[in-house]
Amino acid sequence: MKTLFRFFIYLSNGKTPLIPKKKKSGMMALMFAKKILKIAVKVFAGILVVDLLFVLVMSQISLTRKSEAIIILGAAINTPALYNRTITALELYEQGLADMLVLSGGQGIPGRMTEAENMRQIILENSQKTPNLIIEDQSHSTIENIKNSREKIPEAKSIIIVSDKFHLARAYLIAKRNGFASVNWTGPKSDYYSDKELFYYYFREVAALIIDAPKILMN
């Protein structure tokens, strides 16, 4: 009671109760931590916005200049995504925009065909002439797609990447990091996805850009 009474006397005289130094330093550390957290949240939000804008802008642009090779990035076998990516690339090839098609995609499920083999089947069923195909069937991620394709065509300086539009921004950065001087890109219309699926895939790409950034920079 005496302590409480003294506390009120302090307040009534316009004084601030003394706070032990240890408590003061603890409060200052807490305030500093809160400021750092606020800054970190703002920085992270800024990165999210920039990445989202980059993904959206790249998805709206199609650049298909004459190149040495067309690289098709894999998707799950027997899906509209893989079929449409492959047909889009085949059309570019038959227009004479490249001299070779690199089919990049490994085995998603053990015992089943690879994504690259599924692409090869689609091309042979739809091609008007015997295509120059290069098979890359060991990759299981976008980084591996580009890196392994690079090893298949070490002399190539210019490429066209074909994938779904939401995928192109990350693929472009990875390709540039792997030493391709000229990186062009395009993708099929995404009308085989629902709006909900597209929303998911676009934001997944934003997350993937952040997660893959260290790997891309270290590649």
C-alpha atoms as a PDB file:
ATOM      1  CA  MET A   1       0.000   0.000   0.000  1.00  0.00           C
ATOM      2  CA  LYS A   2       2.855   2.391   0.847  1.00  0.00           C
ATOM      3  CA  THR A   3       4.430   1.783  -2.556  1.00  0.00           C
ATOM      4  CA  LEU A   4       1.130   2.429  -4.329  1.00  0.00           C
ATOM      5  CA  PHE A   5       0.595   5.613  -2.257  1.00  0.00           C
ATOM      6  CA  ARG A   6       4.043   6.921  -3.224  1.00  0.00           C
ATOM      7  CA  PHE A   7       3.265   6.182  -6.869  1.00  0.00           C
ATOM      8  CA  PHE A   8       0.159   8.397  -6.770  1.00  0.00           C
ATOM      9  CA  ILE A   9       2.118  11.146  -4.945  1.00  0.00           C
ATOM     10  CA  TYR A  10       4.625  11.109  -7.808  1.00  0.00           C
ATOM     11  CA  LEU A  11       1.855  11.462 -10.365  1.00  0.00           C
ATOM     12  CA  SER A  12       0.072  14.239  -8.459  1.00  0.00           C
ATOM     13  CA  ASN A  13       3.322  16.246  -8.383  1.00  0.00           C
ATOM     14  CA  GLY A  14       3.707  15.866 -12.151  1.00  0.00           C
ATOM     15  CA  LYS A  15       6.646  13.537 -11.812  1.00  0.00           C
ATOM     16  CA  THR A  16       7.314  10.319 -13.680  1.00  0.00           C
ATOM     17  CA  PRO A  17       8.076   7.287 -11.560  1.00  0.00           C
ATOM     18  CA  LEU A  18      11.633   6.128 -11.870  1.00  0.00           C
ATOM     19  CA  ILE A  19      12.056   3.077 -14.074  1.00  0.00           C
ATOM     20  CA  PRO A  20      14.971   0.765 -13.353  1.00  0.00           C
ATOM     21  CA  LYS A  21      17.734   0.895 -15.954  1.00  0.00           C
ATOM     22  CA  LYS A  22      17.275  -2.765 -16.821  1.00  0.00           C
ATOM     23  CA  LYS A  23      13.595  -2.202 -17.602  1.00  0.00           C
ATOM     24  CA  LYS A  24      14.440   0.912 -19.639  1.00  0.00           C
ATOM     25  CA  SER A  25      16.979  -0.951 -21.754  1.00  0.00           C
ATOM     26  CA  GLY A  26      14.495  -3.789 -22.226  1.00  0.00           C
ATOM     27  CA  MET A  27      11.791  -1.378 -23.380  1.00  0.00           C
ATOM     28  CA  MET A  28      14.203   0.344 -25.774  1.00  0.00           C
ATOM     29  CA  ALA A  29      15.213  -3.014 -27.238  1.00  0.00           C
ATOM     30  CA  LEU A  30      11.557  -3.919 -27.704  1.00  0.00           C
ATOM     31  CA  MET A  31      10.792  -0.599 -29.423  1.00  0.00           C
ATOM     32  CA  PHE A  32      13.825  -1.051 -31.690  1.00  0.00           C
ATOM     33  CA  ALA A  33      12.711  -4.579 -32.580  1.00  0.00           C
ATOM     34  CA  LYS A  34       9.236  -3.296 -33.451  1.00  0.00           C
ATOM     35  CA  LYS A  35      10.708  -0.639 -35.751  1.00  0.00           C
ATOM     36  CA  ILE A  36      12.881  -3.225 -37.488  1.00  0.00           C
ATOM     37  CA  LEU A  37       9.855  -5.497 -37.898  1.00  0.00           C
ATOM     38  CA  LYS A  38       7.810  -2.673 -39.446  1.00  0.00           C
ATOM     39  CA  ILE A  39      10.615  -1.890 -41.887  1.00  0.00           C
ATOM     40  CA  ALA A  40      10.986  -5.570 -42.783  1.00  0.00           C
ATOM     41  CA  VAL A  41       7.247  -5.890 -43.433  1.00  0.00           C
ATOM     42  CA  LYS A  42       7.291  -2.814 -45.697  1.00  0.00           C
ATOM     43  CA  VAL A  43      10.327  -4.080 -47.610  1.00  0.00           C
ATOM     44  CA  PHE A  44       8.754  -7.515 -48.065  1.00  0.00           C
ATOM     45  CA  ALA A  45       5.480  -5.955 -49.229  1.00  0.00           C
ATOM     46  CA  GLY A  46       7.435  -3.845 -51.710  1.00  0.00           C
ATOM     47  CA  ILE A  47       9.209  -6.920 -53.068  1.00  0.00           C
ATOM     48  CA  LEU A  48       5.865  -8.696 -53.472  1.00  0.00           C
ATOM     49  CA  VAL A  49       4.414  -5.782 -55.434  1.00  0.00           C
ATOM     50  CA  VAL A  50       7.471  -5.473 -57.702  1.00  0.00           C
ATOM     51  CA  ASP A  51       7.538  -9.226 -58.375  1.00  0.00           C
ATOM     52  CA  LEU A  52       3.816  -9.321 -59.096  1.00  0.00           C
ATOM     53  CA  LEU A  53       4.114  -6.422 -61.549  1.00  0.00           C
ATOM     54  CA  PHE A  54       7.067  -8.113 -63.252  1.00  0.00           C
ATOM     55  CA  VAL A  55       5.162 -11.389 -63.641  1.00  0.00           C
ATOM     56  CA  LEU A  56       2.080  -9.568 -64.972  1.00  0.00           C
ATOM     57  CA  VAL A  57       4.018  -7.400 -67.439  1.00  0.00           C
ATOM     58  CA  MET A  58       6.014 -10.339 -68.807  1.00  0.00           C
ATOM     59  CA  SER A  59       2.816 -12.346 -69.227  1.00  0.00           C
ATOM     60  CA  GLN A  60       1.347  -9.638 -71.458  1.00  0.00           C
ATOM     61  CA  ILE A  61       4.342  -9.443 -73.797  1.00  0.00           C
ATOM     62  CA  SER A  62       5.305 -11.922 -76.494  1.00  0.00           C
ATOM     63  CA  LEU A  63       8.744 -11.639 -78.100  1.00  0.00           C
ATOM     64  CA  THR A  64       9.538 -14.180 -80.815  1.00  0.00           C
ATOM     65  CA  ARG A  65      12.536 -13.085 -82.852  1.00  0.00           C
ATOM     66  CA  LYS A  66      14.516 -15.525 -84.970  1.00  0.00           C
ATOM     67  CA  SER A  67      16.630 -17.618 -82.589  1.00  0.00           C
ATOM     68  CA  GLU A  68      18.877 -20.648 -82.568  1.00  0.00           C
ATOM     69  CA  ALA A  69      16.605 -22.828 -80.439  1.00  0.00           C
ATOM     70  CA  ILE A  70      13.142 -23.035 -78.929  1.00  0.00           C
ATOM     71  CA  ILE A  71      12.999 -24.441 -75.399  1.00  0.00           C
ATOM     72  CA  ILE A  72       9.697 -25.906 -74.229  1.00  0.00           C
ATOM     73  CA  LEU A  73       9.376 -26.018 -70.454  1.00  0.00           C
ATOM     74  CA  GLY A  74       7.666 -29.127 -69.172  1.00  0.00           C
ATOM     75  CA  ALA A  75       4.368 -29.549 -67.361  1.00  0.00           C
ATOM     76  CA  ALA A  76       2.520 -32.618 -66.112  1.00  0.00           C
ATOM     77  CA  ILE A  77       2.081 -35.222 -68.851  1.00  0.00           C
ATOM     78  CA  ASN A  78      -1.209 -35.554 -70.717  1.00  0.00           C
ATOM     79  CA  THR A  79      -2.424 -32.123 -69.616  1.00  0.00           C
ATOM     80  CA  PRO A  80      -3.726 -29.150 -71.619  1.00  0.00           C
ATOM     81  CA  ALA A  81      -0.758 -27.129 -70.347  1.00  0.00           C
ATOM     82  CA  LEU A  82       1.844 -29.481 -71.818  1.00  0.00           C
ATOM     83  CA  TYR A  83      -0.099 -29.964 -75.044  1.00  0.00           C
ATOM     84  CA  ASN A  84      -0.603 -26.244 -75.676  1.00  0.00           C
ATOM     85  CA  ARG A  85       2.972 -25.321 -74.807  1.00  0.00           C
ATOM     86  CA  THR A  86       4.202 -27.967 -77.250  1.00  0.00           C
ATOM     87  CA  ILE A  87       1.865 -26.965 -80.089  1.00  0.00           C
ATOM     88  CA  THR A  88       2.779 -23.285 -79.652  1.00  0.00           C
ATOM     89  CA  ALA A  89       6.479 -24.148 -79.899  1.00  0.00           C
ATOM     90  CA  LEU A  90       5.899 -26.393 -82.914  1.00  0.00           C
ATOM     91  CA  GLU A  91       4.099 -23.576 -84.744  1.00  0.00           C
ATOM     92  CA  LEU A  92       7.045 -21.242 -84.138  1.00  0.00           C
ATOM     93  CA  TYR A  93       9.457 -23.916 -85.347  1.00  0.00           C
ATOM     94  CA  GLU A  94       7.474 -24.516 -88.527  1.00  0.00           C
ATOM     95  CA  GLN A  95       7.440 -20.762 -89.164  1.00  0.00           C
ATOM     96  CA  GLY A  96      11.233 -20.968 -89.300  1.00  0.00           C
ATOM     97  CA  LEU A  97      11.920 -19.059 -86.094  1.00  0.00           C
ATOM     98  CA  ALA A  98      14.476 -21.633 -84.890  1.00  0.00           C
ATOM     99  CA  ASP A  99      16.414 -24.631 -86.178  1.00  0.00           C
ATOM    100  CA  MET A 100      15.895 -26.902 -83.180  1.00  0.00           C
ATOM    101  CA  LEU A 101      13.336 -27.724 -80.504  1.00  0.00           C
ATOM    102  CA  VAL A 102      14.563 -28.528 -77.005  1.00  0.00           C
ATOM    103  CA  LEU A 103      12.015 -30.621 -75.099  1.00  0.00           C
ATOM    104  CA  SER A 104      12.728 -30.143 -71.408  1.00  0.00           C
ATOM    105  CA  GLY A 105      10.995 -32.126 -68.683  1.00  0.00           C
ATOM    106  CA  GLY A 106      11.792 -35.130 -66.530  1.00  0.00           C
ATOM    107  CA  GLN A 107       9.751 -37.866 -64.945  1.00  0.00           C
ATOM    108  CA  GLY A 108       7.023 -36.594 -62.654  1.00  0.00           C
ATOM    109  CA  ILE A 109       5.867 -40.040 -61.488  1.00  0.00           C
ATOM    110  CA  PRO A 110       8.205 -43.081 -61.373  1.00  0.00           C
ATOM    111  CA  GLY A 111       7.356 -45.636 -64.026  1.00  0.00           C
ATOM    112  CA  ARG A 112       5.574 -43.179 -66.309  1.00  0.00           C
ATOM    113  CA  MET A 113       6.869 -41.407 -69.398  1.00  0.00           C
ATOM    114  CA  THR A 114       8.834 -38.206 -69.043  1.00  0.00           C
ATOM    115  CA  GLU A 115       7.412 -34.817 -69.924  1.00  0.00           C
ATOM    116  CA  ALA A 116       9.955 -34.581 -72.748  1.00  0.00           C
ATOM    117  CA  GLU A 117       8.754 -37.890 -74.216  1.00  0.00           C
ATOM    118  CA  ASN A 118       5.146 -36.726 -74.039  1.00  0.00           C
ATOM    119  CA  MET A 119       6.144 -33.558 -75.922  1.00  0.00           C
ATOM    120  CA  ARG A 120       7.923 -35.652 -78.555  1.00  0.00           C
ATOM    121  CA  GLN A 121       4.761 -37.703 -79.110  1.00  0.00           C
ATOM    122  CA  ILE A 122       2.655 -34.558 -79.526  1.00  0.00           C
ATOM    123  CA  ILE A 123       5.121 -33.087 -82.020  1.00  0.00           C
ATOM    124  CA  LEU A 124       5.386 -36.241 -84.134  1.00  0.00           C
ATOM    125  CA  GLU A 125       1.589 -36.485 -84.275  1.00  0.00           C
ATOM    126  CA  ASN A 126       1.196 -32.860 -85.380  1.00  0.00           C
ATOM    127  CA  SER A 127       4.374 -31.991 -87.286  1.00  0.00           C
ATOM    128  CA  GLN A 128       4.293 -31.294 -91.007  1.00  0.00           C
ATOM    129  CA  LYS A 129       7.969 -32.152 -91.392  1.00  0.00           C
ATOM    130  CA  THR A 130      10.609 -34.137 -89.527  1.00  0.00           C
ATOM    131  CA  PRO A 131      11.683 -31.804 -86.713  1.00  0.00           C
ATOM    132  CA  ASN A 132      15.121 -31.402 -85.183  1.00  0.00           C
ATOM    133  CA  LEU A 133      14.428 -32.472 -81.606  1.00  0.00           C
ATOM    134  CA  ILE A 134      16.756 -32.355 -78.612  1.00  0.00           C
ATOM    135  CA  ILE A 135      15.525 -34.322 -75.604  1.00  0.00           C
ATOM    136  CA  GLU A 136      16.269 -33.139 -72.072  1.00  0.00           C
ATOM    137  CA  ASP A 137      14.490 -35.538 -69.730  1.00  0.00           C
ATOM    138  CA  GLN A 138      16.276 -35.131 -66.386  1.00  0.00           C
ATOM    139  CA  SER A 139      14.896 -31.876 -65.013  1.00  0.00           C
ATOM    140  CA  HIS A 140      12.349 -31.507 -62.220  1.00  0.00           C
ATOM    141  CA  SER A 141      12.197 -27.726 -61.785  1.00  0.00           C
ATOM    142  CA  THR A 142      12.345 -24.570 -63.864  1.00  0.00           C
ATOM    143  CA  ILE A 143      15.939 -23.944 -62.820  1.00  0.00           C
ATOM    144  CA  GLU A 144      16.883 -27.464 -63.937  1.00  0.00           C
ATOM    145  CA  ASN A 145      14.889 -27.056 -67.172  1.00  0.00           C
ATOM    146  CA  ILE A 146      16.999 -24.098 -68.237  1.00  0.00           C
ATOM    147  CA  LYS A 147      20.316 -25.309 -66.833  1.00  0.00           C
ATOM    148  CA  ASN A 148      20.048 -28.788 -68.381  1.00  0.00           C
ATOM    149  CA  SER A 149      18.835 -27.357 -71.687  1.00  0.00           C
ATOM    150  CA  ARG A 150      21.824 -25.034 -71.674  1.00  0.00           C
ATOM    151  CA  GLU A 151      24.113 -28.054 -71.389  1.00  0.00           C
ATOM    152  CA  LYS A 152      22.398 -29.623 -74.406  1.00  0.00           C
ATOM    153  CA  ILE A 153      22.986 -26.530 -76.563  1.00  0.00           C
ATOM    154  CA  PRO A 154      26.194 -24.977 -75.162  1.00  0.00           C
ATOM    155  CA  GLU A 155      26.933 -22.923 -78.276  1.00  0.00           C
ATOM    156  CA  ALA A 156      23.491 -21.339 -78.565  1.00  0.00           C
ATOM    157  CA  LYS A 157      23.289 -17.625 -77.829  1.00  0.00           C
ATOM    158  CA  SER A 158      19.632 -16.966 -78.629  1.00  0.00           C
ATOM    159  CA  ILE A 159      16.516 -18.867 -77.568  1.00  0.00           C
ATOM    160  CA  ILE A 160      12.749 -18.639 -77.440  1.00  0.00           C
ATOM    161  CA  ILE A 161      11.217 -19.940 -74.215  1.00  0.00           C
ATOM    162  CA  VAL A 162       7.728 -21.407 -74.485  1.00  0.00           C
ATOM    163  CA  SER A 163       5.674 -21.922 -71.343  1.00  0.00           C
ATOM    164  CA  ASP A 164       2.458 -20.694 -69.765  1.00  0.00           C
ATOM    165  CA  LYS A 165       2.409 -16.915 -69.557  1.00  0.00           C
ATOM    166  CA  PHE A 166       2.505 -16.722 -65.773  1.00  0.00           C
ATOM    167  CA  HIS A 167       5.717 -18.792 -65.885  1.00  0.00           C
ATOM    168  CA  LEU A 168       7.672 -16.628 -68.320  1.00  0.00           C
ATOM    169  CA  ALA A 169       9.108 -13.987 -65.966  1.00  0.00           C
ATOM    170  CA  ARG A 170      10.968 -16.473 -63.802  1.00  0.00           C
ATOM    171  CA  ALA A 171      12.062 -18.546 -66.807  1.00  0.00           C
ATOM    172  CA  TYR A 172      13.440 -15.394 -68.458  1.00  0.00           C
ATOM    173  CA  LEU A 173      15.563 -14.473 -65.436  1.00  0.00           C
ATOM    174  CA  ILE A 174      16.917 -18.006 -65.120  1.00  0.00           C
ATOM    175  CA  ALA A 175      17.779 -18.134 -68.833  1.00  0.00           C
ATOM    176  CA  LYS A 176      19.644 -14.822 -68.682  1.00  0.00           C
ATOM    177  CA  ARG A 177      21.520 -16.057 -65.639  1.00  0.00           C
ATOM    178  CA  ASN A 178      22.538 -19.175 -67.567  1.00  0.00           C
ATOM    179  CA  GLY A 179      24.315 -17.121 -70.189  1.00  0.00           C
ATOM    180  CA  PHE A 180      21.858 -16.836 -73.069  1.00  0.00           C
ATOM    181  CA  ALA A 181      22.536 -13.466 -74.690  1.00  0.00           C
ATOM    182  CA  SER A 182      19.127 -13.148 -76.347  1.00  0.00           C
ATOM    183  CA  VAL A 183      16.095 -14.533 -74.531  1.00  0.00           C
ATOM    184  CA  ASN A 184      12.709 -14.350 -76.240  1.00  0.00           C
ATOM    185  CA  TRP A 185       9.507 -15.704 -74.802  1.00  0.00           C
ATOM    186  CA  THR A 186       5.908 -16.545 -75.551  1.00  0.00           C
ATOM    187  CA  GLY A 187       3.109 -18.769 -74.350  1.00  0.00           C
ATOM    188  CA  PRO A 188      -0.267 -20.138 -75.400  1.00  0.00           C
ATOM    189  CA  LYS A 189      -3.555 -18.592 -74.380  1.00  0.00           C
ATOM    190  CA  SER A 190      -4.442 -19.730 -70.881  1.00  0.00           C
ATOM    191  CA  ASP A 191      -8.120 -20.418 -71.590  1.00  0.00           C
ATOM    192  CA  TYR A 192      -7.765 -23.985 -70.275  1.00  0.00           C
ATOM    193  CA  TYR A 193      -7.352 -22.572 -66.757  1.00  0.00           C
ATOM    194  CA  SER A 194     -10.193 -21.288 -64.602  1.00  0.00           C
ATOM    195  CA  ASP A 195      -9.931 -17.793 -63.110  1.00  0.00           C
ATOM    196  CA  LYS A 196      -9.323 -19.361 -59.711  1.00  0.00           C
ATOM    197  CA  GLU A 197      -6.482 -21.487 -61.090  1.00  0.00           C
ATOM    198  CA  LEU A 198      -4.882 -18.502 -62.814  1.00  0.00           C
ATOM    199  CA  PHE A 199      -5.051 -16.476 -59.599  1.00  0.00           C
ATOM    200  CA  TYR A 200      -3.306 -19.314 -57.795  1.00  0.00           C
ATOM    201  CA  TYR A 201      -0.603 -19.781 -60.448  1.00  0.00           C
ATOM    202  CA  TYR A 202       0.228 -16.089 -60.714  1.00  0.00           C
ATOM    203  CA  PHE A 203       0.707 -15.722 -56.978  1.00  0.00           C
ATOM    204  CA  ARG A 204       2.597 -19.005 -56.831  1.00  0.00           C
ATOM    205  CA  GLU A 205       5.010 -17.552 -59.377  1.00  0.00           C
ATOM    206  CA  VAL A 206       5.504 -14.448 -57.236  1.00  0.00           C
ATOM    207  CA  ALA A 207       6.370 -16.692 -54.282  1.00  0.00           C
ATOM    208  CA  ALA A 208       8.630 -18.827 -56.480  1.00  0.00           C
ATOM    209  CA  LEU A 209      10.513 -15.726 -57.636  1.00  0.00           C
ATOM    210  CA  ILE A 210      11.295 -14.831 -54.036  1.00  0.00           C
ATOM    211  CA  ILE A 211      12.229 -18.399 -53.076  1.00  0.00           C
ATOM    212  CA  ASP A 212      14.324 -19.031 -56.194  1.00  0.00           C
ATOM    213  CA  ALA A 213      16.118 -15.670 -56.115  1.00  0.00           C
ATOM    214  CA  PRO A 214      19.154 -16.957 -54.142  1.00  0.00           C
ATOM    215  CA  LYS A 215      19.432 -20.029 -56.399  1.00  0.00           C
ATOM    216  CA  ILE A 216      19.180 -17.890 -59.537  1.00  0.00           C
ATOM    217  CA  LEU A 217      21.834 -15.464 -58.299  1.00  0.00           C
ATOM    218  CA  MET A 218      24.176 -18.277 -57.245  1.00  0.00           C
ATOM    219  CA  ASN A 219      23.711 -20.235 -60.468  1.00  0.00           C
END
